[in-house]
Amino acid sequence: MVTKLDVYKQAELHIGKGTISTLSDDVEARYKFDQAWLGVVEEAFNEGDWNFAKQTSSLTATAEAPIDGWSYSFTYPSNYLRTLSVGPYARWTGPFYDFADQAGNIYANTDNLVIRYIRKDLINTVEVWPTMFWRYVALKLAYETCEALTNGSTKQQDLEARMKKALAKAKSVDARNENNKRLPPGSWLRSRGGWGNLGNGGIATTLGGEIVPEEGDV
C-alpha cells in the first residue's frame, strides 16, 4: 500500500536527491513538495477520467427554489470533484442537455438525475491510488519542483518527456484494469444472442456487484 512518503521519495529519486525520510523532515525538498502537492494532485485527477476514482450517484431534487427556466434544483455529492456525465436515469445512453450547472448547483426539468463524476475524497487517500497513477504523480511532483531544487532546467526537460509517457501508461492500465472486471457472458446468454448492447454510456456489472455506467473510457 502506497503512502504519501513513498510518492515524495519517488519524486526525489527522479530529481537525483535522497534527503527525505519522513514527512516532517526539515529539508528543502520536503518543503517544496508540500507547497506543490495539492496543485499537482488535483491536476493529475483532472487529466484523465480515471476509472478508479469514478462514482455514480442518484440525485433527488432539493427544496431550494430553482433559477428561472428550470423546475428543479440539485446539489452535488459531498465528494464531487468533476462531472463525467449527467442523465435522467441510470440506463440513459444518449446525450442529455436538459440541465444547467450554475453557482455550484445543478438545475433540470426532471426531479431525479444520475451523475457520474470523479471523487474528490481520493485526492487525499493516497493508499488507494493504483501503482501507475501514483508513479505518475511522483514524476509530476518532481517536474514541478525540479527547477527550484536543482537550479536548472535540463533535468526538467527530461522529466517532462517521461511524464507524458507515464500519463499515457497510467491511463492505459487504468482502462485495462476496469475492463478486466467485466463478467463474461455465460453460455445461456451466448446461446441467446450474446452480451447485449451496452452502448456508449450503458450499464455494466463489475465483480463487486456495483452497477455503474460504461467504464474503461479514460
N, C-alpha and C. Protein backbone atom coordinates (compact mmCIF):
# COMPACT_ATOMS: atom_id res chain seq x y z
N MET A 1 0.85 -1.19 0.00
CA MET A 1 0.00 0.00 0.00
C MET A 1 0.89 1.25 0.00
N VAL A 2 0.67 2.10 -0.96
CA VAL A 2 1.50 3.29 -1.11
C VAL A 2 1.13 4.35 -0.07
N THR A 3 2.09 5.17 0.29
CA THR A 3 1.87 6.29 1.20
C THR A 3 2.35 7.57 0.54
N LYS A 4 1.99 8.68 1.12
CA LYS A 4 2.46 9.97 0.61
C LYS A 4 3.98 10.05 0.67
N LEU A 5 4.57 9.46 1.70
CA LEU A 5 6.02 9.43 1.82
C LEU A 5 6.65 8.68 0.65
N ASP A 6 6.02 7.59 0.22
CA ASP A 6 6.53 6.85 -0.94
C ASP A 6 6.55 7.73 -2.18
N VAL A 7 5.50 8.53 -2.36
CA VAL A 7 5.43 9.42 -3.52
C VAL A 7 6.55 10.47 -3.43
N TYR A 8 6.75 11.02 -2.25
CA TYR A 8 7.82 12.01 -2.06
C TYR A 8 9.19 11.40 -2.37
N LYS A 9 9.44 10.21 -1.86
CA LYS A 9 10.73 9.56 -2.10
C LYS A 9 10.95 9.27 -3.58
N GLN A 10 9.88 8.84 -4.26
CA GLN A 10 9.99 8.57 -5.69
C GLN A 10 10.26 9.86 -6.46
N ALA A 11 9.61 10.93 -6.07
CA ALA A 11 9.83 12.23 -6.72
C ALA A 11 11.27 12.68 -6.53
N GLU A 12 11.79 12.51 -5.33
CA GLU A 12 13.19 12.86 -5.07
C GLU A 12 14.14 12.02 -5.92
N LEU A 13 13.82 10.76 -6.08
CA LEU A 13 14.65 9.88 -6.88
C LEU A 13 14.74 10.38 -8.32
N HIS A 14 13.63 10.87 -8.85
CA HIS A 14 13.62 11.41 -10.21
C HIS A 14 14.51 12.64 -10.33
N ILE A 15 14.59 13.41 -9.27
CA ILE A 15 15.39 14.63 -9.29
C ILE A 15 16.87 14.34 -9.03
N GLY A 16 17.14 13.19 -8.43
CA GLY A 16 18.52 12.85 -8.12
C GLY A 16 18.91 13.19 -6.71
N LYS A 17 17.93 13.25 -5.83
CA LYS A 17 18.19 13.54 -4.43
C LYS A 17 17.67 12.40 -3.56
N GLY A 18 18.02 12.42 -2.29
CA GLY A 18 17.56 11.40 -1.37
C GLY A 18 17.61 11.87 0.05
N THR A 19 16.97 12.99 0.31
CA THR A 19 17.08 13.62 1.63
C THR A 19 15.88 13.38 2.53
N ILE A 20 14.76 12.92 1.96
CA ILE A 20 13.52 12.79 2.74
C ILE A 20 13.39 11.38 3.32
N SER A 21 13.22 11.30 4.63
CA SER A 21 12.97 10.01 5.28
C SER A 21 11.64 10.00 6.02
N THR A 22 11.12 11.19 6.34
CA THR A 22 9.80 11.32 6.96
C THR A 22 9.12 12.56 6.39
N LEU A 23 7.82 12.66 6.61
CA LEU A 23 7.07 13.82 6.11
C LEU A 23 7.25 15.06 6.98
N SER A 24 8.08 14.94 8.01
CA SER A 24 8.35 16.11 8.86
C SER A 24 9.81 16.54 8.80
N ASP A 25 10.57 15.96 7.87
CA ASP A 25 11.99 16.31 7.75
C ASP A 25 12.17 17.79 7.43
N ASP A 26 13.16 18.39 8.05
CA ASP A 26 13.46 19.80 7.83
C ASP A 26 14.46 19.93 6.68
N VAL A 27 13.98 19.58 5.47
CA VAL A 27 14.83 19.65 4.28
C VAL A 27 14.07 20.38 3.18
N GLU A 28 14.81 20.97 2.25
CA GLU A 28 14.20 21.81 1.22
C GLU A 28 13.22 21.03 0.35
N ALA A 29 13.59 19.82 -0.04
CA ALA A 29 12.73 19.04 -0.93
C ALA A 29 11.35 18.81 -0.31
N ARG A 30 11.33 18.50 0.97
CA ARG A 30 10.03 18.27 1.63
C ARG A 30 9.18 19.52 1.61
N TYR A 31 9.76 20.68 1.86
CA TYR A 31 9.00 21.93 1.84
C TYR A 31 8.48 22.23 0.43
N LYS A 32 9.31 22.03 -0.58
CA LYS A 32 8.88 22.28 -1.95
C LYS A 32 7.76 21.32 -2.35
N PHE A 33 7.90 20.06 -1.97
CA PHE A 33 6.86 19.08 -2.28
C PHE A 33 5.55 19.43 -1.58
N ASP A 34 5.64 19.85 -0.33
CA ASP A 34 4.44 20.25 0.40
C ASP A 34 3.72 21.40 -0.31
N GLN A 35 4.50 22.37 -0.79
CA GLN A 35 3.92 23.53 -1.46
C GLN A 35 3.24 23.15 -2.77
N ALA A 36 3.83 22.20 -3.48
CA ALA A 36 3.32 21.83 -4.81
C ALA A 36 2.27 20.74 -4.77
N TRP A 37 2.15 20.03 -3.67
CA TRP A 37 1.37 18.79 -3.60
C TRP A 37 -0.07 18.94 -4.08
N LEU A 38 -0.84 19.81 -3.47
CA LEU A 38 -2.27 19.88 -3.78
C LEU A 38 -2.51 20.21 -5.24
N GLY A 39 -1.80 21.19 -5.77
CA GLY A 39 -1.98 21.56 -7.17
C GLY A 39 -1.61 20.44 -8.12
N VAL A 40 -0.53 19.74 -7.82
CA VAL A 40 -0.08 18.63 -8.65
C VAL A 40 -1.11 17.51 -8.66
N VAL A 41 -1.62 17.15 -7.48
CA VAL A 41 -2.56 16.03 -7.39
C VAL A 41 -3.90 16.39 -8.03
N GLU A 42 -4.42 17.58 -7.77
CA GLU A 42 -5.68 17.98 -8.39
C GLU A 42 -5.57 18.00 -9.91
N GLU A 43 -4.45 18.48 -10.41
CA GLU A 43 -4.26 18.49 -11.86
C GLU A 43 -4.20 17.08 -12.41
N ALA A 44 -3.53 16.17 -11.70
CA ALA A 44 -3.46 14.78 -12.14
C ALA A 44 -4.85 14.15 -12.19
N PHE A 45 -5.69 14.44 -11.20
CA PHE A 45 -7.05 13.90 -11.19
C PHE A 45 -7.89 14.48 -12.33
N ASN A 46 -7.54 15.66 -12.80
CA ASN A 46 -8.28 16.29 -13.88
C ASN A 46 -7.75 15.93 -15.26
N GLU A 47 -6.65 15.19 -15.31
CA GLU A 47 -6.03 14.86 -16.59
C GLU A 47 -6.57 13.58 -17.21
N GLY A 48 -7.42 12.87 -16.51
CA GLY A 48 -7.98 11.65 -17.06
C GLY A 48 -9.31 11.33 -16.40
N ASP A 49 -10.14 10.59 -17.09
CA ASP A 49 -11.40 10.12 -16.50
C ASP A 49 -11.10 8.80 -15.78
N TRP A 50 -10.36 8.89 -14.72
CA TRP A 50 -9.81 7.73 -14.03
C TRP A 50 -10.91 6.81 -13.50
N ASN A 51 -10.89 5.58 -13.97
CA ASN A 51 -11.91 4.63 -13.53
C ASN A 51 -11.84 4.36 -12.03
N PHE A 52 -10.64 4.36 -11.47
CA PHE A 52 -10.52 4.07 -10.04
C PHE A 52 -11.15 5.16 -9.18
N ALA A 53 -11.34 6.34 -9.76
CA ALA A 53 -11.89 7.47 -8.99
C ALA A 53 -13.32 7.81 -9.38
N LYS A 54 -13.94 7.01 -10.24
CA LYS A 54 -15.31 7.30 -10.68
C LYS A 54 -16.34 6.84 -9.66
N GLN A 55 -17.43 7.57 -9.61
CA GLN A 55 -18.57 7.17 -8.79
C GLN A 55 -19.84 7.61 -9.49
N THR A 56 -20.90 6.84 -9.30
CA THR A 56 -22.21 7.16 -9.85
C THR A 56 -23.20 7.34 -8.71
N SER A 57 -23.93 8.45 -8.71
CA SER A 57 -24.89 8.73 -7.65
C SER A 57 -26.21 9.22 -8.23
N SER A 58 -27.29 8.86 -7.57
CA SER A 58 -28.60 9.39 -7.93
C SER A 58 -28.85 10.65 -7.12
N LEU A 59 -29.33 11.68 -7.78
CA LEU A 59 -29.62 12.95 -7.13
C LEU A 59 -31.12 13.17 -7.08
N THR A 60 -31.61 13.61 -5.94
CA THR A 60 -33.02 13.95 -5.77
C THR A 60 -33.13 15.45 -5.60
N ALA A 61 -34.14 16.02 -6.21
CA ALA A 61 -34.33 17.48 -6.16
C ALA A 61 -34.43 17.97 -4.72
N THR A 62 -33.84 19.12 -4.46
CA THR A 62 -33.89 19.73 -3.14
C THR A 62 -35.08 20.67 -3.05
N ALA A 63 -35.29 21.21 -1.86
CA ALA A 63 -36.40 22.16 -1.66
C ALA A 63 -36.02 23.57 -2.11
N GLU A 64 -34.77 23.76 -2.47
CA GLU A 64 -34.32 25.08 -2.89
C GLU A 64 -35.00 25.50 -4.19
N ALA A 65 -35.41 26.75 -4.27
CA ALA A 65 -36.09 27.25 -5.46
C ALA A 65 -35.12 27.26 -6.64
N PRO A 66 -35.53 26.71 -7.78
CA PRO A 66 -34.65 26.71 -8.96
C PRO A 66 -34.56 28.09 -9.59
N ILE A 67 -33.58 28.27 -10.45
CA ILE A 67 -33.46 29.52 -11.19
C ILE A 67 -34.46 29.52 -12.33
N ASP A 68 -34.70 30.69 -12.90
CA ASP A 68 -35.67 30.81 -13.98
C ASP A 68 -35.34 29.87 -15.13
N GLY A 69 -36.37 29.22 -15.64
CA GLY A 69 -36.21 28.33 -16.77
C GLY A 69 -36.06 26.88 -16.39
N TRP A 70 -35.93 26.61 -15.09
CA TRP A 70 -35.75 25.24 -14.64
C TRP A 70 -36.73 24.94 -13.51
N SER A 71 -37.12 23.66 -13.43
CA SER A 71 -38.15 23.27 -12.46
C SER A 71 -37.58 22.73 -11.16
N TYR A 72 -36.35 22.19 -11.20
CA TYR A 72 -35.80 21.53 -10.01
C TYR A 72 -34.34 21.92 -9.79
N SER A 73 -33.96 21.89 -8.52
CA SER A 73 -32.59 22.21 -8.12
C SER A 73 -31.95 21.01 -7.44
N PHE A 74 -30.66 20.79 -7.69
CA PHE A 74 -29.93 19.66 -7.10
C PHE A 74 -28.59 20.15 -6.56
N THR A 75 -28.10 19.48 -5.53
CA THR A 75 -26.76 19.77 -5.02
C THR A 75 -25.83 18.61 -5.39
N TYR A 76 -24.57 18.94 -5.57
CA TYR A 76 -23.59 17.91 -5.90
C TYR A 76 -23.30 17.03 -4.69
N PRO A 77 -22.87 15.78 -4.92
CA PRO A 77 -22.45 14.93 -3.80
C PRO A 77 -21.29 15.59 -3.05
N SER A 78 -21.15 15.27 -1.78
CA SER A 78 -20.13 15.91 -0.95
C SER A 78 -18.71 15.59 -1.41
N ASN A 79 -18.53 14.46 -2.08
CA ASN A 79 -17.18 14.09 -2.53
C ASN A 79 -16.97 14.36 -4.02
N TYR A 80 -17.76 15.27 -4.57
CA TYR A 80 -17.71 15.59 -6.00
C TYR A 80 -16.49 16.43 -6.35
N LEU A 81 -15.81 16.07 -7.45
CA LEU A 81 -14.72 16.89 -7.98
C LEU A 81 -15.02 17.39 -9.38
N ARG A 82 -15.45 16.47 -10.27
CA ARG A 82 -15.63 16.86 -11.67
C ARG A 82 -16.67 15.96 -12.32
N THR A 83 -17.53 16.55 -13.14
CA THR A 83 -18.59 15.80 -13.81
C THR A 83 -18.06 15.03 -15.01
N LEU A 84 -18.51 13.79 -15.13
CA LEU A 84 -18.24 12.99 -16.32
C LEU A 84 -19.48 12.91 -17.20
N SER A 85 -20.63 12.69 -16.60
CA SER A 85 -21.87 12.64 -17.37
C SER A 85 -23.06 12.86 -16.44
N VAL A 86 -24.15 13.33 -17.03
CA VAL A 86 -25.41 13.53 -16.31
C VAL A 86 -26.53 12.96 -17.16
N GLY A 87 -27.48 12.29 -16.53
CA GLY A 87 -28.62 11.75 -17.24
C GLY A 87 -29.84 11.72 -16.35
N PRO A 88 -31.02 11.50 -16.93
CA PRO A 88 -32.25 11.47 -16.14
C PRO A 88 -32.45 10.16 -15.39
N TYR A 89 -31.76 9.10 -15.80
CA TYR A 89 -31.84 7.82 -15.09
C TYR A 89 -30.61 6.99 -15.45
N ALA A 90 -30.40 5.90 -14.71
CA ALA A 90 -29.14 5.15 -14.79
C ALA A 90 -28.88 4.56 -16.17
N ARG A 91 -29.91 4.11 -16.86
CA ARG A 91 -29.70 3.45 -18.15
C ARG A 91 -29.74 4.41 -19.34
N TRP A 92 -29.73 5.69 -19.07
CA TRP A 92 -29.72 6.67 -20.16
C TRP A 92 -28.43 6.52 -20.96
N THR A 93 -28.55 6.39 -22.30
CA THR A 93 -27.36 6.15 -23.13
C THR A 93 -27.09 7.26 -24.13
N GLY A 94 -28.02 8.16 -24.34
CA GLY A 94 -27.80 9.22 -25.31
C GLY A 94 -27.31 10.50 -24.67
N PRO A 95 -27.08 11.53 -25.48
CA PRO A 95 -26.71 12.82 -24.90
C PRO A 95 -27.86 13.41 -24.10
N PHE A 96 -27.53 14.17 -23.08
CA PHE A 96 -28.55 14.80 -22.23
C PHE A 96 -28.14 16.24 -22.00
N TYR A 97 -28.97 17.15 -22.49
CA TYR A 97 -28.64 18.57 -22.41
C TYR A 97 -29.62 19.36 -21.53
N ASP A 98 -30.62 18.69 -21.00
CA ASP A 98 -31.68 19.39 -20.28
C ASP A 98 -31.31 19.64 -18.82
N PHE A 99 -30.17 20.29 -18.62
CA PHE A 99 -29.75 20.66 -17.27
C PHE A 99 -28.76 21.82 -17.38
N ALA A 100 -28.55 22.49 -16.26
CA ALA A 100 -27.60 23.60 -16.21
C ALA A 100 -26.80 23.52 -14.92
N ASP A 101 -25.56 23.91 -15.01
CA ASP A 101 -24.67 23.96 -13.84
C ASP A 101 -24.35 25.42 -13.57
N GLN A 102 -24.93 25.95 -12.50
CA GLN A 102 -24.71 27.35 -12.17
C GLN A 102 -24.60 27.53 -10.66
N ALA A 103 -23.65 28.36 -10.26
CA ALA A 103 -23.49 28.73 -8.84
C ALA A 103 -23.37 27.52 -7.92
N GLY A 104 -22.71 26.47 -8.41
CA GLY A 104 -22.48 25.30 -7.58
C GLY A 104 -23.64 24.35 -7.43
N ASN A 105 -24.71 24.55 -8.20
CA ASN A 105 -25.86 23.65 -8.19
C ASN A 105 -26.16 23.16 -9.60
N ILE A 106 -26.96 22.10 -9.67
CA ILE A 106 -27.46 21.61 -10.96
C ILE A 106 -28.95 21.92 -11.02
N TYR A 107 -29.41 22.35 -12.18
CA TYR A 107 -30.82 22.64 -12.39
C TYR A 107 -31.30 21.81 -13.58
N ALA A 108 -32.52 21.29 -13.47
CA ALA A 108 -33.07 20.46 -14.54
C ALA A 108 -34.59 20.53 -14.50
N ASN A 109 -35.20 19.93 -15.52
CA ASN A 109 -36.66 19.88 -15.58
C ASN A 109 -37.19 18.49 -15.26
N THR A 110 -36.36 17.66 -14.65
CA THR A 110 -36.77 16.36 -14.14
C THR A 110 -36.38 16.30 -12.67
N ASP A 111 -37.17 15.62 -11.85
CA ASP A 111 -36.93 15.67 -10.40
C ASP A 111 -35.91 14.65 -9.92
N ASN A 112 -35.34 13.87 -10.83
CA ASN A 112 -34.27 12.94 -10.48
C ASN A 112 -33.18 12.98 -11.55
N LEU A 113 -31.94 12.93 -11.12
CA LEU A 113 -30.81 12.89 -12.04
C LEU A 113 -29.83 11.82 -11.56
N VAL A 114 -29.08 11.29 -12.51
CA VAL A 114 -27.98 10.39 -12.18
C VAL A 114 -26.70 11.05 -12.69
N ILE A 115 -25.72 11.21 -11.81
CA ILE A 115 -24.47 11.86 -12.17
C ILE A 115 -23.31 10.90 -12.00
N ARG A 116 -22.43 10.89 -12.97
CA ARG A 116 -21.19 10.13 -12.86
C ARG A 116 -20.06 11.15 -12.76
N TYR A 117 -19.19 10.97 -11.79
CA TYR A 117 -18.21 12.01 -11.50
C TYR A 117 -16.92 11.43 -10.94
N ILE A 118 -15.90 12.30 -10.87
CA ILE A 118 -14.64 11.95 -10.23
C ILE A 118 -14.72 12.34 -8.76
N ARG A 119 -14.29 11.44 -7.90
CA ARG A 119 -14.39 11.65 -6.45
C ARG A 119 -13.27 12.55 -5.93
N LYS A 120 -13.64 13.53 -5.16
CA LYS A 120 -12.68 14.47 -4.58
C LYS A 120 -11.94 13.87 -3.38
N ASP A 121 -12.61 13.00 -2.63
CA ASP A 121 -12.00 12.48 -1.41
C ASP A 121 -10.77 11.63 -1.67
N LEU A 122 -10.64 11.09 -2.89
CA LEU A 122 -9.49 10.25 -3.20
C LEU A 122 -8.22 11.06 -3.40
N ILE A 123 -8.35 12.37 -3.54
CA ILE A 123 -7.16 13.21 -3.66
C ILE A 123 -6.25 13.02 -2.45
N ASN A 124 -6.83 12.86 -1.29
CA ASN A 124 -6.05 12.70 -0.06
C ASN A 124 -6.00 11.26 0.44
N THR A 125 -6.49 10.34 -0.39
CA THR A 125 -6.47 8.93 0.01
C THR A 125 -5.45 8.21 -0.85
N VAL A 126 -4.19 8.53 -0.61
CA VAL A 126 -3.09 8.05 -1.45
C VAL A 126 -3.03 6.53 -1.48
N GLU A 127 -3.38 5.88 -0.38
CA GLU A 127 -3.23 4.43 -0.28
C GLU A 127 -4.09 3.65 -1.28
N VAL A 128 -5.09 4.27 -1.88
CA VAL A 128 -5.93 3.56 -2.85
C VAL A 128 -5.52 3.88 -4.29
N TRP A 129 -4.55 4.74 -4.48
CA TRP A 129 -4.13 5.08 -5.84
C TRP A 129 -3.48 3.87 -6.50
N PRO A 130 -3.83 3.56 -7.73
CA PRO A 130 -3.16 2.49 -8.47
C PRO A 130 -1.68 2.83 -8.68
N THR A 131 -0.88 1.80 -8.87
CA THR A 131 0.57 1.98 -8.98
C THR A 131 0.97 2.96 -10.07
N MET A 132 0.43 2.79 -11.27
CA MET A 132 0.83 3.65 -12.37
C MET A 132 0.41 5.10 -12.14
N PHE A 133 -0.69 5.29 -11.42
CA PHE A 133 -1.15 6.65 -11.15
C PHE A 133 -0.23 7.34 -10.15
N TRP A 134 0.09 6.67 -9.05
CA TRP A 134 0.93 7.36 -8.05
C TRP A 134 2.34 7.58 -8.57
N ARG A 135 2.81 6.68 -9.42
CA ARG A 135 4.13 6.89 -10.01
C ARG A 135 4.10 8.08 -10.98
N TYR A 136 2.98 8.27 -11.65
CA TYR A 136 2.84 9.45 -12.50
C TYR A 136 2.82 10.72 -11.64
N VAL A 137 2.10 10.69 -10.53
CA VAL A 137 2.06 11.86 -9.64
C VAL A 137 3.46 12.18 -9.13
N ALA A 138 4.24 11.16 -8.81
CA ALA A 138 5.62 11.40 -8.35
C ALA A 138 6.45 12.09 -9.41
N LEU A 139 6.31 11.65 -10.66
CA LEU A 139 7.02 12.30 -11.76
C LEU A 139 6.57 13.74 -11.92
N LYS A 140 5.28 13.95 -11.82
CA LYS A 140 4.73 15.29 -11.97
C LYS A 140 5.20 16.20 -10.83
N LEU A 141 5.27 15.66 -9.63
CA LEU A 141 5.76 16.42 -8.49
C LEU A 141 7.23 16.79 -8.68
N ALA A 142 8.00 15.85 -9.19
CA ALA A 142 9.41 16.12 -9.47
C ALA A 142 9.55 17.20 -10.54
N TYR A 143 8.73 17.10 -11.57
CA TYR A 143 8.78 18.08 -12.66
C TYR A 143 8.46 19.49 -12.16
N GLU A 144 7.45 19.61 -11.33
CA GLU A 144 7.01 20.93 -10.86
C GLU A 144 8.03 21.58 -9.92
N THR A 145 8.82 20.78 -9.24
CA THR A 145 9.75 21.33 -8.24
C THR A 145 11.21 21.24 -8.67
N CYS A 146 11.46 20.61 -9.80
CA CYS A 146 12.83 20.32 -10.21
C CYS A 146 13.69 21.57 -10.36
N GLU A 147 13.17 22.57 -11.04
CA GLU A 147 13.96 23.77 -11.30
C GLU A 147 14.38 24.45 -10.00
N ALA A 148 13.46 24.50 -9.04
CA ALA A 148 13.77 25.13 -7.76
C ALA A 148 14.78 24.32 -6.95
N LEU A 149 14.72 22.99 -7.09
CA LEU A 149 15.58 22.13 -6.28
C LEU A 149 16.93 21.87 -6.91
N THR A 150 17.05 22.06 -8.23
CA THR A 150 18.31 21.77 -8.92
C THR A 150 18.95 23.00 -9.54
N ASN A 151 18.23 24.12 -9.51
CA ASN A 151 18.75 25.37 -10.10
C ASN A 151 19.09 25.22 -11.57
N GLY A 152 18.25 24.47 -12.28
CA GLY A 152 18.47 24.29 -13.71
C GLY A 152 17.24 23.73 -14.38
N SER A 153 17.21 23.80 -15.70
CA SER A 153 16.03 23.36 -16.46
C SER A 153 16.30 22.11 -17.30
N THR A 154 17.56 21.66 -17.38
CA THR A 154 17.88 20.50 -18.21
C THR A 154 17.16 19.25 -17.70
N LYS A 155 17.23 19.01 -16.40
CA LYS A 155 16.57 17.86 -15.80
C LYS A 155 15.06 17.96 -15.97
N GLN A 156 14.54 19.16 -15.90
CA GLN A 156 13.10 19.36 -16.03
C GLN A 156 12.62 18.96 -17.42
N GLN A 157 13.41 19.24 -18.44
CA GLN A 157 13.03 18.86 -19.80
C GLN A 157 12.95 17.34 -19.94
N ASP A 158 13.89 16.64 -19.33
CA ASP A 158 13.86 15.18 -19.35
C ASP A 158 12.64 14.66 -18.61
N LEU A 159 12.33 15.26 -17.47
CA LEU A 159 11.17 14.84 -16.69
C LEU A 159 9.87 15.08 -17.44
N GLU A 160 9.81 16.15 -18.21
CA GLU A 160 8.59 16.45 -18.97
C GLU A 160 8.30 15.35 -19.98
N ALA A 161 9.32 14.89 -20.68
CA ALA A 161 9.14 13.81 -21.65
C ALA A 161 8.72 12.52 -20.97
N ARG A 162 9.34 12.21 -19.86
CA ARG A 162 8.99 10.99 -19.12
C ARG A 162 7.60 11.09 -18.52
N MET A 163 7.22 12.29 -18.12
CA MET A 163 5.91 12.50 -17.51
C MET A 163 4.79 12.22 -18.51
N LYS A 164 4.96 12.66 -19.75
CA LYS A 164 3.95 12.42 -20.78
C LYS A 164 3.76 10.93 -21.03
N LYS A 165 4.86 10.19 -21.06
CA LYS A 165 4.78 8.74 -21.25
C LYS A 165 4.11 8.07 -20.05
N ALA A 166 4.44 8.56 -18.86
CA ALA A 166 3.86 7.98 -17.65
C ALA A 166 2.36 8.21 -17.59
N LEU A 167 1.90 9.38 -18.04
CA LEU A 167 0.47 9.66 -18.06
C LEU A 167 -0.25 8.72 -19.02
N ALA A 168 0.31 8.54 -20.20
CA ALA A 168 -0.31 7.64 -21.18
C ALA A 168 -0.37 6.21 -20.65
N LYS A 169 0.68 5.78 -19.98
CA LYS A 169 0.71 4.42 -19.43
C LYS A 169 -0.30 4.27 -18.30
N ALA A 170 -0.39 5.28 -17.45
CA ALA A 170 -1.34 5.22 -16.33
C ALA A 170 -2.77 5.13 -16.84
N LYS A 171 -3.09 5.90 -17.88
CA LYS A 171 -4.43 5.85 -18.46
C LYS A 171 -4.71 4.49 -19.08
N SER A 172 -3.73 3.94 -19.78
CA SER A 172 -3.91 2.65 -20.43
C SER A 172 -4.16 1.54 -19.42
N VAL A 173 -3.35 1.51 -18.36
CA VAL A 173 -3.50 0.48 -17.33
C VAL A 173 -4.81 0.66 -16.58
N ASP A 174 -5.18 1.90 -16.30
CA ASP A 174 -6.44 2.17 -15.61
C ASP A 174 -7.63 1.65 -16.41
N ALA A 175 -7.62 1.89 -17.71
CA ALA A 175 -8.71 1.41 -18.56
C ALA A 175 -8.72 -0.11 -18.65
N ARG A 176 -7.53 -0.71 -18.79
CA ARG A 176 -7.46 -2.16 -18.89
C ARG A 176 -7.91 -2.84 -17.61
N ASN A 177 -7.51 -2.31 -16.48
CA ASN A 177 -7.92 -2.91 -15.20
C ASN A 177 -9.42 -2.86 -15.03
N GLU A 178 -10.05 -1.78 -15.48
CA GLU A 178 -11.51 -1.68 -15.36
C GLU A 178 -12.18 -2.70 -16.27
N ASN A 179 -11.68 -2.83 -17.50
CA ASN A 179 -12.28 -3.78 -18.43
C ASN A 179 -12.13 -5.21 -17.94
N ASN A 180 -11.06 -5.50 -17.20
CA ASN A 180 -10.86 -6.85 -16.68
C ASN A 180 -11.86 -7.22 -15.60
N LYS A 181 -12.59 -6.25 -15.07
CA LYS A 181 -13.60 -6.53 -14.05
C LYS A 181 -14.90 -7.04 -14.68
N ARG A 182 -15.03 -6.88 -16.01
CA ARG A 182 -16.28 -7.26 -16.65
C ARG A 182 -16.51 -8.76 -16.55
N LEU A 183 -17.71 -9.15 -16.21
CA LEU A 183 -18.06 -10.55 -16.21
C LEU A 183 -18.36 -10.99 -17.64
N PRO A 184 -17.70 -12.05 -18.14
CA PRO A 184 -18.00 -12.52 -19.48
C PRO A 184 -19.39 -13.13 -19.52
N PRO A 185 -20.07 -13.10 -20.68
CA PRO A 185 -21.40 -13.69 -20.78
C PRO A 185 -21.34 -15.19 -20.59
N GLY A 186 -22.31 -15.74 -19.87
CA GLY A 186 -22.37 -17.17 -19.67
C GLY A 186 -22.90 -17.89 -20.91
N SER A 187 -22.91 -19.21 -20.85
CA SER A 187 -23.33 -20.00 -22.01
C SER A 187 -24.79 -19.75 -22.36
N TRP A 188 -25.64 -19.53 -21.33
CA TRP A 188 -27.06 -19.27 -21.60
C TRP A 188 -27.22 -17.98 -22.38
N LEU A 189 -26.48 -16.93 -21.95
CA LEU A 189 -26.59 -15.64 -22.63
C LEU A 189 -26.01 -15.72 -24.03
N ARG A 190 -24.87 -16.41 -24.18
CA ARG A 190 -24.25 -16.51 -25.51
C ARG A 190 -25.17 -17.23 -26.48
N SER A 191 -25.89 -18.25 -25.99
CA SER A 191 -26.76 -19.02 -26.88
C SER A 191 -27.98 -18.23 -27.32
N ARG A 192 -28.23 -17.10 -26.65
CA ARG A 192 -29.41 -16.29 -26.97
C ARG A 192 -29.04 -14.91 -27.50
N GLY A 193 -27.90 -14.86 -28.16
CA GLY A 193 -27.58 -13.62 -28.86
C GLY A 193 -26.45 -12.83 -28.25
N GLY A 194 -25.80 -13.38 -27.20
CA GLY A 194 -24.62 -12.71 -26.69
C GLY A 194 -24.89 -11.74 -25.58
N TRP A 195 -24.03 -10.81 -25.50
CA TRP A 195 -23.91 -9.92 -24.35
C TRP A 195 -24.96 -8.86 -24.29
N GLY A 196 -25.53 -8.53 -25.44
CA GLY A 196 -26.46 -7.41 -25.46
C GLY A 196 -25.71 -6.15 -25.82
N ASN A 197 -26.43 -5.07 -25.99
CA ASN A 197 -25.83 -3.82 -26.43
C ASN A 197 -25.80 -2.82 -25.28
N LEU A 198 -24.61 -2.68 -24.67
CA LEU A 198 -24.49 -1.68 -23.62
C LEU A 198 -24.49 -0.28 -24.19
N GLY A 199 -23.90 -0.14 -25.37
CA GLY A 199 -23.87 1.17 -25.99
C GLY A 199 -22.94 2.11 -25.27
N ASN A 200 -22.81 3.30 -25.79
CA ASN A 200 -21.96 4.32 -25.19
C ASN A 200 -22.64 4.87 -23.94
N GLY A 201 -22.02 4.64 -22.78
CA GLY A 201 -22.61 5.12 -21.54
C GLY A 201 -23.64 4.17 -20.97
N GLY A 202 -23.66 2.89 -21.45
CA GLY A 202 -24.62 1.92 -20.94
C GLY A 202 -24.25 1.43 -19.56
N ILE A 203 -24.88 0.34 -19.12
CA ILE A 203 -24.69 -0.16 -17.77
C ILE A 203 -23.87 -1.43 -17.81
N ALA A 204 -22.93 -1.56 -16.89
CA ALA A 204 -22.12 -2.77 -16.77
C ALA A 204 -22.10 -3.19 -15.32
N THR A 205 -21.95 -4.50 -15.08
CA THR A 205 -21.86 -5.01 -13.72
C THR A 205 -20.44 -5.43 -13.44
N THR A 206 -19.83 -4.92 -12.39
CA THR A 206 -18.48 -5.29 -12.03
C THR A 206 -18.53 -6.46 -11.07
N LEU A 207 -17.38 -7.05 -10.81
CA LEU A 207 -17.31 -8.21 -9.92
C LEU A 207 -17.78 -7.87 -8.51
N GLY A 208 -17.64 -6.61 -8.13
CA GLY A 208 -18.07 -6.21 -6.81
C GLY A 208 -19.57 -6.04 -6.70
N GLY A 209 -20.29 -6.20 -7.81
CA GLY A 209 -21.73 -6.10 -7.79
C GLY A 209 -22.24 -4.69 -7.97
N GLU A 210 -21.35 -3.73 -8.17
CA GLU A 210 -21.78 -2.35 -8.33
C GLU A 210 -22.28 -2.13 -9.74
N ILE A 211 -23.41 -1.47 -9.86
CA ILE A 211 -23.95 -1.15 -11.17
C ILE A 211 -23.51 0.26 -11.53
N VAL A 212 -22.73 0.36 -12.60
CA VAL A 212 -22.18 1.66 -12.99
C VAL A 212 -22.31 1.84 -14.49
N PRO A 213 -22.25 3.08 -15.00
CA PRO A 213 -22.24 3.30 -16.43
C PRO A 213 -21.00 2.68 -17.06
N GLU A 214 -21.00 2.60 -18.38
CA GLU A 214 -19.89 2.02 -19.14
C GLU A 214 -18.56 2.60 -18.69
N GLU A 215 -17.60 1.71 -18.36
CA GLU A 215 -16.30 2.15 -17.87
C GLU A 215 -15.23 1.86 -18.92
N GLY A 216 -13.99 2.20 -18.57
CA GLY A 216 -12.87 1.90 -19.45
C GLY A 216 -12.65 2.94 -20.52
N ASP A 217 -13.29 4.11 -20.40
CA ASP A 217 -13.20 5.11 -21.45
C ASP A 217 -12.36 6.30 -21.02
N VAL A 218 -11.20 6.01 -20.39
CA VAL A 218 -10.34 7.09 -19.94
C VAL A 218 -9.88 7.93 -21.12
